[in-house]
Amino acid sequence: MSQKYHLAHHGDMSNEPVSQGGQSDLELSSDDGGYSPTPSLIDAMEELAVRCNCPPTQDGETHITHELASKEPPAMQDLSHQPPFPSTGEDQNRRNLGSLSSLDLLWPKCPIGMENAPMIVKWELHRVALYCSINTAAVSLPYQASWKDQDTFWEDLQQHISFREKAFPQRCSAQAWLEGISQEPKPQSSVIWRAKVCMGTQKGDHKIELEPPVLEISSRLRRKFGFDRFIELQLLSGSLSKSFRNGDLRKSLARWLVHTRQAFLHREWAAFFVQDCNIAPTFPKRVFLFAERGHGLIPSMKGEHAVTGTVTPAIGGECSRFNMLNWLLQFDRNTDQPYMKLFHRI
């Protein structure tokens, strides 16, 4: 039985189904059994609240760090000076992982001139660059409107000086490309973005790999906020699988997920959900990321990032992971419900 974990540890939910057929709001699942949070995740979050000695922020989360330096909304500026979590001698396990914070550096940087490109263009560019071992941070590649045509994009990329004579990976489907270019949510299908992070050895030689975007059945969250707000990140531990069974290492991973934002594609992504994949012999976790803010997302003029009550969020508006989940789960209206019901709602 797979287990699913919610990273904003708050109220409990009602038993109201959230999509037709009682399916998950993120994907179809054949497992209708109960879900429960991992004890290490809960312990980590409770321990952090004590060790950090800091009150929750306005969205109910502990203080976080932000990696994007430009145009921070006023309400979030006060969070940027806080460390992800205390640096003490107790965190030897975190260093044994080659520093979990080094995972932040895995995300490739967009080339100069690509800020206004559709997400699927940025994604495919980075997928090719990672496949070819090209550092895109030093590449000048201004976005061209003609790249809305998939053939033109690939032809231009193959002719670019940084990519010339390189072996390219397989393209995504033409249909997925067109849906990604349109950026319009559809009732039945969505473009799904998946990536893999291989945490290879204790020396910290982690590696990220982007998968081709695909069209799959949509979900309530993707229809509400847009399919370009969600990334599925599969964590593969490789040779660390035995070590990861150690509770302290699992806590370190939980702390890293709770306290950091991932800077990618000119946006900041926050983890809000973790799922066991049960794929032997690795120790995989599938982490769901939500784009809270960044390019293309409308800033809140009043610093408000709530999506609560009857307020309907704009698809292109900034929103914290807590408020996104609060819109879905309605914490204040379900505080009297058993916490186990929460995990049926995500």
C-alpha atoms as a PDB file:
ATOM      1  CA  MET A   1       0.000   0.000   0.000  1.00  0.00           C
ATOM      2  CA  SER A   2       1.391   3.366  -0.909  1.00  0.00           C
ATOM      3  CA  GLN A   3       1.510   6.125   1.671  1.00  0.00           C
ATOM      4  CA  LYS A   4       0.978   9.807   1.043  1.00  0.00           C
ATOM      5  CA  TYR A   5       2.237  12.626   3.244  1.00  0.00           C
ATOM      6  CA  HIS A   6       1.024  16.201   3.433  1.00  0.00           C
ATOM      7  CA  LEU A   7       3.748  18.773   4.186  1.00  0.00           C
ATOM      8  CA  ALA A   8       1.564  21.495   5.659  1.00  0.00           C
ATOM      9  CA  HIS A   9       0.748  19.896   9.006  1.00  0.00           C
ATOM     10  CA  HIS A  10      -2.544  21.521   9.932  1.00  0.00           C
ATOM     11  CA  GLY A  11      -6.232  20.642  10.348  1.00  0.00           C
ATOM     12  CA  ASP A  12      -8.137  17.540   9.298  1.00  0.00           C
ATOM     13  CA  MET A  13     -10.528  16.971   6.472  1.00  0.00           C
ATOM     14  CA  SER A  14     -14.040  15.855   5.764  1.00  0.00           C
ATOM     15  CA  ASN A  15     -14.835  12.726   3.803  1.00  0.00           C
ATOM     16  CA  GLU A  16     -16.246  14.659   0.840  1.00  0.00           C
ATOM     17  CA  PRO A  17     -14.842  13.338  -2.452  1.00  0.00           C
ATOM     18  CA  VAL A  18     -12.741  15.822  -4.367  1.00  0.00           C
ATOM     19  CA  SER A  19     -12.968  14.342  -7.848  1.00  0.00           C
ATOM     20  CA  GLN A  20     -15.168  11.945  -9.725  1.00  0.00           C
ATOM     21  CA  GLY A  21     -14.741   8.361  -8.685  1.00  0.00           C
ATOM     22  CA  GLY A  22     -12.975   9.349  -5.464  1.00  0.00           C
ATOM     23  CA  GLN A  23      -9.626   9.644  -7.239  1.00  0.00           C
ATOM     24  CA  SER A  24      -6.638  11.610  -6.005  1.00  0.00           C
ATOM     25  CA  ASP A  25      -6.511  15.294  -6.889  1.00  0.00           C
ATOM     26  CA  LEU A  26      -3.057  14.748  -8.338  1.00  0.00           C
ATOM     27  CA  GLU A  27      -3.343  11.440 -10.101  1.00  0.00           C
ATOM     28  CA  LEU A  28      -5.470   8.360 -10.588  1.00  0.00           C
ATOM     29  CA  SER A  29      -4.777   5.709  -7.979  1.00  0.00           C
ATOM     30  CA  SER A  30      -5.791   2.086  -7.778  1.00  0.00           C
ATOM     31  CA  ASP A  31      -5.132   2.020  -4.042  1.00  0.00           C
ATOM     32  CA  ASP A  32      -8.291   2.900  -2.144  1.00  0.00           C
ATOM     33  CA  GLY A  33      -6.839   2.038   1.226  1.00  0.00           C
ATOM     34  CA  GLY A  34      -6.142   4.412   4.077  1.00  0.00           C
ATOM     35  CA  TYR A  35      -3.130   6.684   4.122  1.00  0.00           C
ATOM     36  CA  SER A  36      -1.049   7.851   7.051  1.00  0.00           C
ATOM     37  CA  PRO A  37       1.828  10.285   7.505  1.00  0.00           C
ATOM     38  CA  THR A  38       5.275   8.884   8.174  1.00  0.00           C
ATOM     39  CA  PRO A  39       6.205   9.321  11.849  1.00  0.00           C
ATOM     40  CA  SER A  40       9.609  10.706  10.880  1.00  0.00           C
ATOM     41  CA  LEU A  41       7.984  13.507   8.890  1.00  0.00           C
ATOM     42  CA  ILE A  42       5.702  14.505  11.742  1.00  0.00           C
ATOM     43  CA  ASP A  43       8.536  14.272  14.268  1.00  0.00           C
ATOM     44  CA  ALA A  44      10.787  16.381  12.053  1.00  0.00           C
ATOM     45  CA  MET A  45       8.262  19.181  11.755  1.00  0.00           C
ATOM     46  CA  GLU A  46       7.481  19.162  15.467  1.00  0.00           C
ATOM     47  CA  GLU A  47      11.185  19.086  16.329  1.00  0.00           C
ATOM     48  CA  LEU A  48      11.858  21.993  14.003  1.00  0.00           C
ATOM     49  CA  ALA A  49       9.226  24.152  15.643  1.00  0.00           C
ATOM     50  CA  VAL A  50      11.018  23.697  18.968  1.00  0.00           C
ATOM     51  CA  ARG A  51      14.603  23.967  17.694  1.00  0.00           C
ATOM     52  CA  CYS A  52      13.970  27.013  15.529  1.00  0.00           C
ATOM     53  CA  ASN A  53      12.069  28.721  18.357  1.00  0.00           C
ATOM     54  CA  CYS A  54      10.137  30.717  15.802  1.00  0.00           C
ATOM     55  CA  PRO A  55       6.398  31.339  15.398  1.00  0.00           C
ATOM     56  CA  PRO A  56       4.520  30.234  12.301  1.00  0.00           C
ATOM     57  CA  THR A  57       4.329  32.671   9.423  1.00  0.00           C
ATOM     58  CA  GLN A  58       1.046  34.097   8.174  1.00  0.00           C
ATOM     59  CA  ASP A  59       0.419  30.962   6.112  1.00  0.00           C
ATOM     60  CA  GLY A  60       1.034  28.604   9.016  1.00  0.00           C
ATOM     61  CA  GLU A  61       4.521  27.445   7.992  1.00  0.00           C
ATOM     62  CA  THR A  62       7.872  27.888   9.691  1.00  0.00           C
ATOM     63  CA  HIS A  63      10.318  30.468   8.367  1.00  0.00           C
ATOM     64  CA  ILE A  64      11.821  29.646   5.004  1.00  0.00           C
ATOM     65  CA  THR A  65      14.477  30.861   2.620  1.00  0.00           C
ATOM     66  CA  HIS A  66      13.961  32.118  -0.896  1.00  0.00           C
ATOM     67  CA  GLU A  67      16.519  31.712  -3.642  1.00  0.00           C
ATOM     68  CA  LEU A  68      15.155  34.238  -6.119  1.00  0.00           C
ATOM     69  CA  ALA A  69      16.624  37.632  -5.376  1.00  0.00           C
ATOM     70  CA  SER A  70      14.326  39.897  -7.382  1.00  0.00           C
ATOM     71  CA  LYS A  71      10.910  41.390  -6.705  1.00  0.00           C
ATOM     72  CA  GLU A  72       9.934  39.675  -3.474  1.00  0.00           C
ATOM     73  CA  PRO A  73       6.358  40.425  -2.409  1.00  0.00           C
ATOM     74  CA  PRO A  74       6.366  42.636   0.722  1.00  0.00           C
ATOM     75  CA  ALA A  75       4.664  40.005   2.848  1.00  0.00           C
ATOM     76  CA  MET A  76       7.403  37.486   2.121  1.00  0.00           C
ATOM     77  CA  GLN A  77      10.482  39.700   2.448  1.00  0.00           C
ATOM     78  CA  ASP A  78      10.712  39.112   6.188  1.00  0.00           C
ATOM     79  CA  LEU A  79      11.227  35.401   5.582  1.00  0.00           C
ATOM     80  CA  SER A  80      14.354  35.699   3.464  1.00  0.00           C
ATOM     81  CA  HIS A  81      16.827  36.259   6.290  1.00  0.00           C
ATOM     82  CA  GLN A  82      15.974  33.079   8.150  1.00  0.00           C
ATOM     83  CA  PRO A  83      18.188  29.976   7.764  1.00  0.00           C
ATOM     84  CA  PRO A  84      16.479  26.802   6.503  1.00  0.00           C
ATOM     85  CA  PHE A  85      17.055  25.219   9.917  1.00  0.00           C
ATOM     86  CA  PRO A  86      19.640  25.513  12.712  1.00  0.00           C
ATOM     87  CA  SER A  87      23.188  24.527  11.864  1.00  0.00           C
ATOM     88  CA  THR A  88      24.284  22.389  14.786  1.00  0.00           C
ATOM     89  CA  GLY A  89      26.527  19.439  15.503  1.00  0.00           C
ATOM     90  CA  GLU A  90      23.455  17.246  15.682  1.00  0.00           C
ATOM     91  CA  ASP A  91      22.931  17.295  11.938  1.00  0.00           C
ATOM     92  CA  GLN A  92      25.757  14.931  11.042  1.00  0.00           C
ATOM     93  CA  ASN A  93      23.327  12.824   9.038  1.00  0.00           C
ATOM     94  CA  ARG A  94      22.584  15.762   6.779  1.00  0.00           C
ATOM     95  CA  ARG A  95      26.287  16.154   6.033  1.00  0.00           C
ATOM     96  CA  ASN A  96      26.539  12.398   5.453  1.00  0.00           C
ATOM     97  CA  LEU A  97      24.137  12.875   2.563  1.00  0.00           C
ATOM     98  CA  GLY A  98      26.625  15.161   0.876  1.00  0.00           C
ATOM     99  CA  SER A  99      24.513  18.064   2.191  1.00  0.00           C
ATOM    100  CA  LEU A 100      20.857  17.903   1.262  1.00  0.00           C
ATOM    101  CA  SER A 101      20.981  21.620   0.599  1.00  0.00           C
ATOM    102  CA  SER A 102      23.245  20.850  -2.346  1.00  0.00           C
ATOM    103  CA  LEU A 103      20.131  19.521  -4.055  1.00  0.00           C
ATOM    104  CA  ASP A 104      19.092  23.153  -4.454  1.00  0.00           C
ATOM    105  CA  LEU A 105      22.015  23.621  -6.832  1.00  0.00           C
ATOM    106  CA  LEU A 106      20.840  20.823  -9.116  1.00  0.00           C
ATOM    107  CA  TRP A 107      18.174  22.917 -10.778  1.00  0.00           C
ATOM    108  CA  PRO A 108      19.550  24.350 -14.039  1.00  0.00           C
ATOM    109  CA  LYS A 109      19.478  28.090 -14.612  1.00  0.00           C
ATOM    110  CA  CYS A 110      17.507  29.475 -17.537  1.00  0.00           C
ATOM    111  CA  PRO A 111      19.581  30.929 -20.386  1.00  0.00           C
ATOM    112  CA  ILE A 112      19.672  34.672 -20.879  1.00  0.00           C
ATOM    113  CA  GLY A 113      16.608  35.831 -22.809  1.00  0.00           C
ATOM    114  CA  MET A 114      14.278  32.936 -21.918  1.00  0.00           C
ATOM    115  CA  GLU A 115      12.232  34.595 -19.184  1.00  0.00           C
ATOM    116  CA  ASN A 116       9.118  35.091 -21.333  1.00  0.00           C
ATOM    117  CA  ALA A 117       9.155  31.645 -22.940  1.00  0.00           C
ATOM    118  CA  PRO A 118       6.263  29.231 -22.273  1.00  0.00           C
ATOM    119  CA  MET A 119       7.060  26.647 -19.632  1.00  0.00           C
ATOM    120  CA  ILE A 120       7.196  23.796 -22.127  1.00  0.00           C
ATOM    121  CA  VAL A 121       9.899  25.606 -24.134  1.00  0.00           C
ATOM    122  CA  LYS A 122      11.975  26.175 -20.990  1.00  0.00           C
ATOM    123  CA  TRP A 123      11.418  22.610 -19.831  1.00  0.00           C
ATOM    124  CA  GLU A 124      12.418  21.023 -23.141  1.00  0.00           C
ATOM    125  CA  LEU A 125      15.440  23.294 -23.433  1.00  0.00           C
ATOM    126  CA  HIS A 126      16.665  22.234 -19.992  1.00  0.00           C
ATOM    127  CA  ARG A 127      15.863  18.586 -20.672  1.00  0.00           C
ATOM    128  CA  VAL A 128      18.048  18.661 -23.775  1.00  0.00           C
ATOM    129  CA  ALA A 129      20.790  20.619 -21.994  1.00  0.00           C
ATOM    130  CA  LEU A 130      20.926  18.157 -19.094  1.00  0.00           C
ATOM    131  CA  TYR A 131      20.986  15.255 -21.543  1.00  0.00           C
ATOM    132  CA  CYS A 132      23.908  16.897 -23.372  1.00  0.00           C
ATOM    133  CA  SER A 133      25.658  18.016 -20.153  1.00  0.00           C
ATOM    134  CA  ILE A 134      25.417  21.699 -21.099  1.00  0.00           C
ATOM    135  CA  ASN A 135      25.432  24.453 -18.473  1.00  0.00           C
ATOM    136  CA  THR A 136      22.596  26.733 -19.587  1.00  0.00           C
ATOM    137  CA  ALA A 137      23.489  29.514 -17.133  1.00  0.00           C
ATOM    138  CA  ALA A 138      26.202  30.743 -19.497  1.00  0.00           C
ATOM    139  CA  VAL A 139      24.182  30.319 -22.701  1.00  0.00           C
ATOM    140  CA  SER A 140      22.601  33.280 -24.508  1.00  0.00           C
ATOM    141  CA  LEU A 141      19.425  32.042 -26.141  1.00  0.00           C
ATOM    142  CA  PRO A 142      16.663  34.676 -26.518  1.00  0.00           C
ATOM    143  CA  TYR A 143      13.175  33.255 -26.877  1.00  0.00           C
ATOM    144  CA  GLN A 144      11.689  33.384 -30.377  1.00  0.00           C
ATOM    145  CA  ALA A 145       7.946  33.476 -31.031  1.00  0.00           C
ATOM    146  CA  SER A 146       8.516  31.052 -33.915  1.00  0.00           C
ATOM    147  CA  TRP A 147       9.391  28.385 -31.345  1.00  0.00           C
ATOM    148  CA  LYS A 148       5.711  27.801 -30.776  1.00  0.00           C
ATOM    149  CA  ASP A 149       6.227  25.429 -33.679  1.00  0.00           C
ATOM    150  CA  GLN A 150       7.953  22.357 -32.250  1.00  0.00           C
ATOM    151  CA  ASP A 151       9.944  21.590 -35.408  1.00  0.00           C
ATOM    152  CA  THR A 152      11.308  25.136 -35.572  1.00  0.00           C
ATOM    153  CA  PHE A 153      12.320  25.038 -31.913  1.00  0.00           C
ATOM    154  CA  TRP A 154      14.260  21.799 -32.294  1.00  0.00           C
ATOM    155  CA  GLU A 155      15.896  22.895 -35.531  1.00  0.00           C
ATOM    156  CA  ASP A 156      17.041  26.201 -34.032  1.00  0.00           C
ATOM    157  CA  LEU A 157      18.319  24.459 -30.922  1.00  0.00           C
ATOM    158  CA  GLN A 158      20.320  21.966 -32.957  1.00  0.00           C
ATOM    159  CA  GLN A 159      21.931  24.847 -34.858  1.00  0.00           C
ATOM    160  CA  HIS A 160      22.860  26.823 -31.741  1.00  0.00           C
ATOM    161  CA  ILE A 161      26.598  26.916 -31.112  1.00  0.00           C
ATOM    162  CA  SER A 162      26.235  25.370 -27.642  1.00  0.00           C
ATOM    163  CA  PHE A 163      24.143  22.433 -28.884  1.00  0.00           C
ATOM    164  CA  ARG A 164      25.597  21.855 -32.340  1.00  0.00           C
ATOM    165  CA  GLU A 165      26.618  18.257 -33.115  1.00  0.00           C
ATOM    166  CA  LYS A 166      25.168  17.013 -29.822  1.00  0.00           C
ATOM    167  CA  ALA A 167      22.985  13.920 -29.573  1.00  0.00           C
ATOM    168  CA  PHE A 168      19.484  14.988 -28.528  1.00  0.00           C
ATOM    169  CA  PRO A 169      16.912  13.008 -26.526  1.00  0.00           C
ATOM    170  CA  GLN A 170      13.556  12.031 -27.966  1.00  0.00           C
ATOM    171  CA  ARG A 171      10.989  14.809 -28.364  1.00  0.00           C
ATOM    172  CA  CYS A 172       7.800  15.007 -26.377  1.00  0.00           C
ATOM    173  CA  SER A 173       4.617  14.268 -28.303  1.00  0.00           C
ATOM    174  CA  ALA A 174       3.302  16.910 -30.687  1.00  0.00           C
ATOM    175  CA  GLN A 175       0.010  16.979 -28.781  1.00  0.00           C
ATOM    176  CA  ALA A 176       1.733  17.601 -25.436  1.00  0.00           C
ATOM    177  CA  TRP A 177       3.751  20.386 -27.072  1.00  0.00           C
ATOM    178  CA  LEU A 178       0.647  22.106 -28.437  1.00  0.00           C
ATOM    179  CA  GLU A 179      -1.149  21.864 -25.093  1.00  0.00           C
ATOM    180  CA  GLY A 180       1.903  23.269 -23.339  1.00  0.00           C
ATOM    181  CA  ILE A 181       2.178  26.165 -25.783  1.00  0.00           C
ATOM    182  CA  SER A 182      -1.506  27.054 -25.377  1.00  0.00           C
ATOM    183  CA  GLN A 183      -1.120  27.077 -21.559  1.00  0.00           C
ATOM    184  CA  GLU A 184      -4.890  26.760 -21.284  1.00  0.00           C
ATOM    185  CA  PRO A 185      -6.218  24.282 -18.693  1.00  0.00           C
ATOM    186  CA  LYS A 186      -8.483  21.604 -20.146  1.00  0.00           C
ATOM    187  CA  PRO A 187     -11.225  19.789 -18.211  1.00  0.00           C
ATOM    188  CA  GLN A 188     -10.042  16.299 -19.105  1.00  0.00           C
ATOM    189  CA  SER A 189      -6.267  16.447 -19.630  1.00  0.00           C
ATOM    190  CA  SER A 190      -3.189  18.323 -18.432  1.00  0.00           C
ATOM    191  CA  VAL A 191       0.475  18.507 -19.295  1.00  0.00           C
ATOM    192  CA  ILE A 192       2.390  16.678 -16.563  1.00  0.00           C
ATOM    193  CA  TRP A 193       5.942  17.655 -15.620  1.00  0.00           C
ATOM    194  CA  ARG A 194       8.158  15.017 -14.004  1.00  0.00           C
ATOM    195  CA  ALA A 195      11.781  14.996 -12.913  1.00  0.00           C
ATOM    196  CA  LYS A 196      14.084  12.522 -11.177  1.00  0.00           C
ATOM    197  CA  VAL A 197      16.787  13.287  -8.637  1.00  0.00           C
ATOM    198  CA  CYS A 198      19.332  10.522  -8.076  1.00  0.00           C
ATOM    199  CA  MET A 199      21.135  10.936  -4.763  1.00  0.00           C
ATOM    200  CA  GLY A 200      23.977   8.648  -5.720  1.00  0.00           C
ATOM    201  CA  THR A 201      26.605   8.510  -2.965  1.00  0.00           C
ATOM    202  CA  GLN A 202      27.574  10.088   0.299  1.00  0.00           C
ATOM    203  CA  LYS A 203      29.976  12.313  -1.623  1.00  0.00           C
ATOM    204  CA  GLY A 204      27.004  14.291  -2.842  1.00  0.00           C
ATOM    205  CA  ASP A 205      27.175  13.566  -6.560  1.00  0.00           C
ATOM    206  CA  HIS A 206      23.456  14.105  -7.035  1.00  0.00           C
ATOM    207  CA  LYS A 207      21.969  14.235 -10.520  1.00  0.00           C
ATOM    208  CA  ILE A 208      18.712  15.579 -11.902  1.00  0.00           C
ATOM    209  CA  GLU A 209      16.936  14.340 -15.009  1.00  0.00           C
ATOM    210  CA  LEU A 210      13.863  15.883 -16.643  1.00  0.00           C
ATOM    211  CA  GLU A 211      11.356  13.587 -18.313  1.00  0.00           C
ATOM    212  CA  PRO A 212       9.456  14.497 -21.493  1.00  0.00           C
ATOM    213  CA  PRO A 213       6.197  16.296 -20.656  1.00  0.00           C
ATOM    214  CA  VAL A 214       3.167  14.095 -21.215  1.00  0.00           C
ATOM    215  CA  LEU A 215      -0.604  14.481 -21.409  1.00  0.00           C
ATOM    216  CA  GLU A 216      -2.527  12.723 -18.663  1.00  0.00           C
ATOM    217  CA  ILE A 217      -5.881  12.937 -16.929  1.00  0.00           C
ATOM    218  CA  SER A 218      -6.279  16.317 -15.253  1.00  0.00           C
ATOM    219  CA  SER A 219      -6.998  17.006 -11.595  1.00  0.00           C
ATOM    220  CA  ARG A 220      -8.902  19.497  -9.506  1.00  0.00           C
ATOM    221  CA  LEU A 221      -5.740  21.311  -8.447  1.00  0.00           C
ATOM    222  CA  ARG A 222      -4.361  21.572 -11.970  1.00  0.00           C
ATOM    223  CA  ARG A 223      -7.677  22.817 -13.309  1.00  0.00           C
ATOM    224  CA  LYS A 224      -7.859  25.437 -10.570  1.00  0.00           C
ATOM    225  CA  PHE A 225      -4.293  26.751 -10.524  1.00  0.00           C
ATOM    226  CA  GLY A 226      -2.987  25.686 -13.926  1.00  0.00           C
ATOM    227  CA  PHE A 227      -0.908  22.683 -14.939  1.00  0.00           C
ATOM    228  CA  ASP A 228       2.230  24.827 -15.081  1.00  0.00           C
ATOM    229  CA  ARG A 229       2.112  25.198 -11.265  1.00  0.00           C
ATOM    230  CA  PHE A 230       2.919  21.543 -10.424  1.00  0.00           C
ATOM    231  CA  ILE A 231       6.014  19.360 -10.810  1.00  0.00           C
ATOM    232  CA  GLU A 232       6.368  15.725  -9.725  1.00  0.00           C
ATOM    233  CA  LEU A 233       9.878  15.110  -8.387  1.00  0.00           C
ATOM    234  CA  GLN A 234      10.967  11.510  -7.853  1.00  0.00           C
ATOM    235  CA  LEU A 235      13.781  11.112  -5.307  1.00  0.00           C
ATOM    236  CA  LEU A 236      15.932   8.036  -5.909  1.00  0.00           C
ATOM    237  CA  SER A 237      18.494   7.237  -3.239  1.00  0.00           C
ATOM    238  CA  GLY A 238      20.488   4.569  -5.092  1.00  0.00           C
ATOM    239  CA  SER A 239      23.291   3.335  -2.839  1.00  0.00           C
ATOM    240  CA  LEU A 240      21.854   5.345   0.036  1.00  0.00           C
ATOM    241  CA  SER A 241      18.729   3.187   0.230  1.00  0.00           C
ATOM    242  CA  LYS A 242      19.878   1.310   3.352  1.00  0.00           C
ATOM    243  CA  SER A 243      21.052   4.462   5.078  1.00  0.00           C
ATOM    244  CA  PHE A 244      17.776   6.174   4.319  1.00  0.00           C
ATOM    245  CA  ARG A 245      15.949   3.646   6.429  1.00  0.00           C
ATOM    246  CA  ASN A 246      17.609   5.371   9.358  1.00  0.00           C
ATOM    247  CA  GLY A 247      15.038   7.650  10.955  1.00  0.00           C
ATOM    248  CA  ASP A 248      17.419  10.594  11.357  1.00  0.00           C
ATOM    249  CA  LEU A 249      18.202  10.680   7.658  1.00  0.00           C
ATOM    250  CA  ARG A 250      14.519  10.616   6.857  1.00  0.00           C
ATOM    251  CA  LYS A 251      14.051  13.553   9.215  1.00  0.00           C
ATOM    252  CA  SER A 252      16.811  15.448   7.446  1.00  0.00           C
ATOM    253  CA  LEU A 253      15.050  14.931   4.139  1.00  0.00           C
ATOM    254  CA  ALA A 254      11.762  16.056   5.674  1.00  0.00           C
ATOM    255  CA  ARG A 255      13.422  19.193   7.024  1.00  0.00           C
ATOM    256  CA  TRP A 256      14.928  19.983   3.644  1.00  0.00           C
ATOM    257  CA  LEU A 257      11.541  19.611   1.945  1.00  0.00           C
ATOM    258  CA  VAL A 258       9.669  21.709   4.498  1.00  0.00           C
ATOM    259  CA  HIS A 259      12.143  24.572   4.711  1.00  0.00           C
ATOM    260  CA  THR A 260      13.391  25.252   1.196  1.00  0.00           C
ATOM    261  CA  ARG A 261      12.016  26.641  -2.031  1.00  0.00           C
ATOM    262  CA  GLN A 262      13.376  25.371  -5.330  1.00  0.00           C
ATOM    263  CA  ALA A 263      14.287  28.083  -7.852  1.00  0.00           C
ATOM    264  CA  PHE A 264      13.543  26.769 -11.344  1.00  0.00           C
ATOM    265  CA  LEU A 265      12.102  28.177 -14.575  1.00  0.00           C
ATOM    266  CA  HIS A 266      11.995  31.698 -13.076  1.00  0.00           C
ATOM    267  CA  ARG A 267       9.660  30.505 -10.315  1.00  0.00           C
ATOM    268  CA  GLU A 268       9.861  29.334  -6.714  1.00  0.00           C
ATOM    269  CA  TRP A 269       8.565  25.842  -6.028  1.00  0.00           C
ATOM    270  CA  ALA A 270       7.519  24.509  -2.625  1.00  0.00           C
ATOM    271  CA  ALA A 271       7.036  20.851  -1.727  1.00  0.00           C
ATOM    272  CA  PHE A 272       3.576  20.109  -0.378  1.00  0.00           C
ATOM    273  CA  PHE A 273       3.079  16.353  -0.700  1.00  0.00           C
ATOM    274  CA  VAL A 274       5.244  13.216  -0.505  1.00  0.00           C
ATOM    275  CA  GLN A 275       4.306   9.772  -1.768  1.00  0.00           C
ATOM    276  CA  ASP A 276       6.039   6.402  -1.501  1.00  0.00           C
ATOM    277  CA  CYS A 277       6.562   4.779  -4.897  1.00  0.00           C
ATOM    278  CA  ASN A 278       7.447   1.247  -3.750  1.00  0.00           C
ATOM    279  CA  ILE A 279       9.841   0.618  -6.623  1.00  0.00           C
ATOM    280  CA  ALA A 280      12.636  -1.816  -5.691  1.00  0.00           C
ATOM    281  CA  PRO A 281      15.587  -1.804  -5.263  1.00  0.00           C
ATOM    282  CA  THR A 282      15.807   1.966  -4.842  1.00  0.00           C
ATOM    283  CA  PHE A 283      14.259   3.996  -2.053  1.00  0.00           C
ATOM    284  CA  PRO A 284      12.058   6.351  -4.025  1.00  0.00           C
ATOM    285  CA  LYS A 285       9.888   9.170  -2.827  1.00  0.00           C
ATOM    286  CA  ARG A 286       7.714  11.175  -5.143  1.00  0.00           C
ATOM    287  CA  VAL A 287       7.517  14.815  -4.082  1.00  0.00           C
ATOM    288  CA  PHE A 288       4.915  17.174  -5.492  1.00  0.00           C
ATOM    289  CA  LEU A 289       6.041  20.782  -5.951  1.00  0.00           C
ATOM    290  CA  PHE A 290       3.816  23.842  -6.284  1.00  0.00           C
ATOM    291  CA  ALA A 291       4.902  27.148  -7.854  1.00  0.00           C
ATOM    292  CA  GLU A 292       4.112  29.777  -5.231  1.00  0.00           C
ATOM    293  CA  ARG A 293       5.442  32.829  -7.013  1.00  0.00           C
ATOM    294  CA  GLY A 294       7.680  33.995  -9.818  1.00  0.00           C
ATOM    295  CA  HIS A 295       7.504  35.021 -13.455  1.00  0.00           C
ATOM    296  CA  GLY A 296       4.009  35.018 -14.926  1.00  0.00           C
ATOM    297  CA  LEU A 297       2.287  34.876 -11.524  1.00  0.00           C
ATOM    298  CA  ILE A 298       0.463  38.032 -10.504  1.00  0.00           C
ATOM    299  CA  PRO A 299       1.800  39.481  -7.216  1.00  0.00           C
ATOM    300  CA  SER A 300      -0.661  40.345  -4.472  1.00  0.00           C
ATOM    301  CA  MET A 301      -0.842  44.107  -4.044  1.00  0.00           C
ATOM    302  CA  LYS A 302      -1.671  43.792  -0.342  1.00  0.00           C
ATOM    303  CA  GLY A 303       0.786  41.019   0.383  1.00  0.00           C
ATOM    304  CA  GLU A 304      -2.111  38.613   0.822  1.00  0.00           C
ATOM    305  CA  HIS A 305      -1.512  35.089  -0.385  1.00  0.00           C
ATOM    306  CA  ALA A 306      -4.634  33.503   1.022  1.00  0.00           C
ATOM    307  CA  VAL A 307      -7.133  31.489  -0.953  1.00  0.00           C
ATOM    308  CA  THR A 308      -9.664  30.915   1.746  1.00  0.00           C
ATOM    309  CA  GLY A 309     -13.387  30.895   2.297  1.00  0.00           C
ATOM    310  CA  THR A 310     -15.354  31.816  -0.791  1.00  0.00           C
ATOM    311  CA  VAL A 311     -12.489  33.669  -2.454  1.00  0.00           C
ATOM    312  CA  THR A 312     -11.746  32.221  -5.865  1.00  0.00           C
ATOM    313  CA  PRO A 313      -8.033  32.415  -6.739  1.00  0.00           C
ATOM    314  CA  ALA A 314      -6.886  33.616 -10.112  1.00  0.00           C
ATOM    315  CA  ILE A 315      -5.062  30.889 -11.995  1.00  0.00           C
ATOM    316  CA  GLY A 316      -2.113  33.197 -12.556  1.00  0.00           C
ATOM    317  CA  GLY A 317      -1.912  34.634  -9.032  1.00  0.00           C
ATOM    318  CA  GLU A 318       0.751  34.120  -6.377  1.00  0.00           C
ATOM    319  CA  CYS A 319      -0.280  31.695  -3.665  1.00  0.00           C
ATOM    320  CA  SER A 320       1.533  29.887  -0.846  1.00  0.00           C
ATOM    321  CA  ARG A 321       1.388  26.109  -0.620  1.00  0.00           C
ATOM    322  CA  PHE A 322      -0.607  26.353   2.596  1.00  0.00           C
ATOM    323  CA  ASN A 323      -3.263  28.561   1.048  1.00  0.00           C
ATOM    324  CA  MET A 324      -3.418  26.339  -2.019  1.00  0.00           C
ATOM    325  CA  LEU A 325      -4.039  23.342   0.232  1.00  0.00           C
ATOM    326  CA  ASN A 326      -6.434  25.340   2.384  1.00  0.00           C
ATOM    327  CA  TRP A 327      -8.511  26.056  -0.713  1.00  0.00           C
ATOM    328  CA  LEU A 328      -8.579  22.317  -1.430  1.00  0.00           C
ATOM    329  CA  LEU A 329      -8.969  20.965   2.099  1.00  0.00           C
ATOM    330  CA  GLN A 330     -10.720  23.816   3.960  1.00  0.00           C
ATOM    331  CA  PHE A 331      -8.875  23.396   7.246  1.00  0.00           C
ATOM    332  CA  ASP A 332     -11.101  25.672   9.350  1.00  0.00           C
ATOM    333  CA  ARG A 333     -14.250  23.781   8.344  1.00  0.00           C
ATOM    334  CA  ASN A 334     -12.840  20.321   9.061  1.00  0.00           C
ATOM    335  CA  THR A 335     -10.979  20.623  12.358  1.00  0.00           C
ATOM    336  CA  ASP A 336     -13.306  18.096  14.008  1.00  0.00           C
ATOM    337  CA  GLN A 337     -12.596  15.382  11.442  1.00  0.00           C
ATOM    338  CA  PRO A 338     -10.136  12.488  11.957  1.00  0.00           C
ATOM    339  CA  TYR A 339      -6.723  13.447  10.541  1.00  0.00           C
ATOM    340  CA  MET A 340      -6.588  10.259   8.453  1.00  0.00           C
ATOM    341  CA  LYS A 341      -9.238  11.706   6.144  1.00  0.00           C
ATOM    342  CA  LEU A 342      -6.830  14.429   5.091  1.00  0.00           C
ATOM    343  CA  PHE A 343      -4.736  11.974   3.108  1.00  0.00           C
ATOM    344  CA  HIS A 344      -7.712  10.881   1.023  1.00  0.00           C
ATOM    345  CA  ARG A 345      -8.215  14.435  -0.177  1.00  0.00           C
ATOM    346  CA  ILE A 346      -4.859  15.088  -1.846  1.00  0.00           C
END
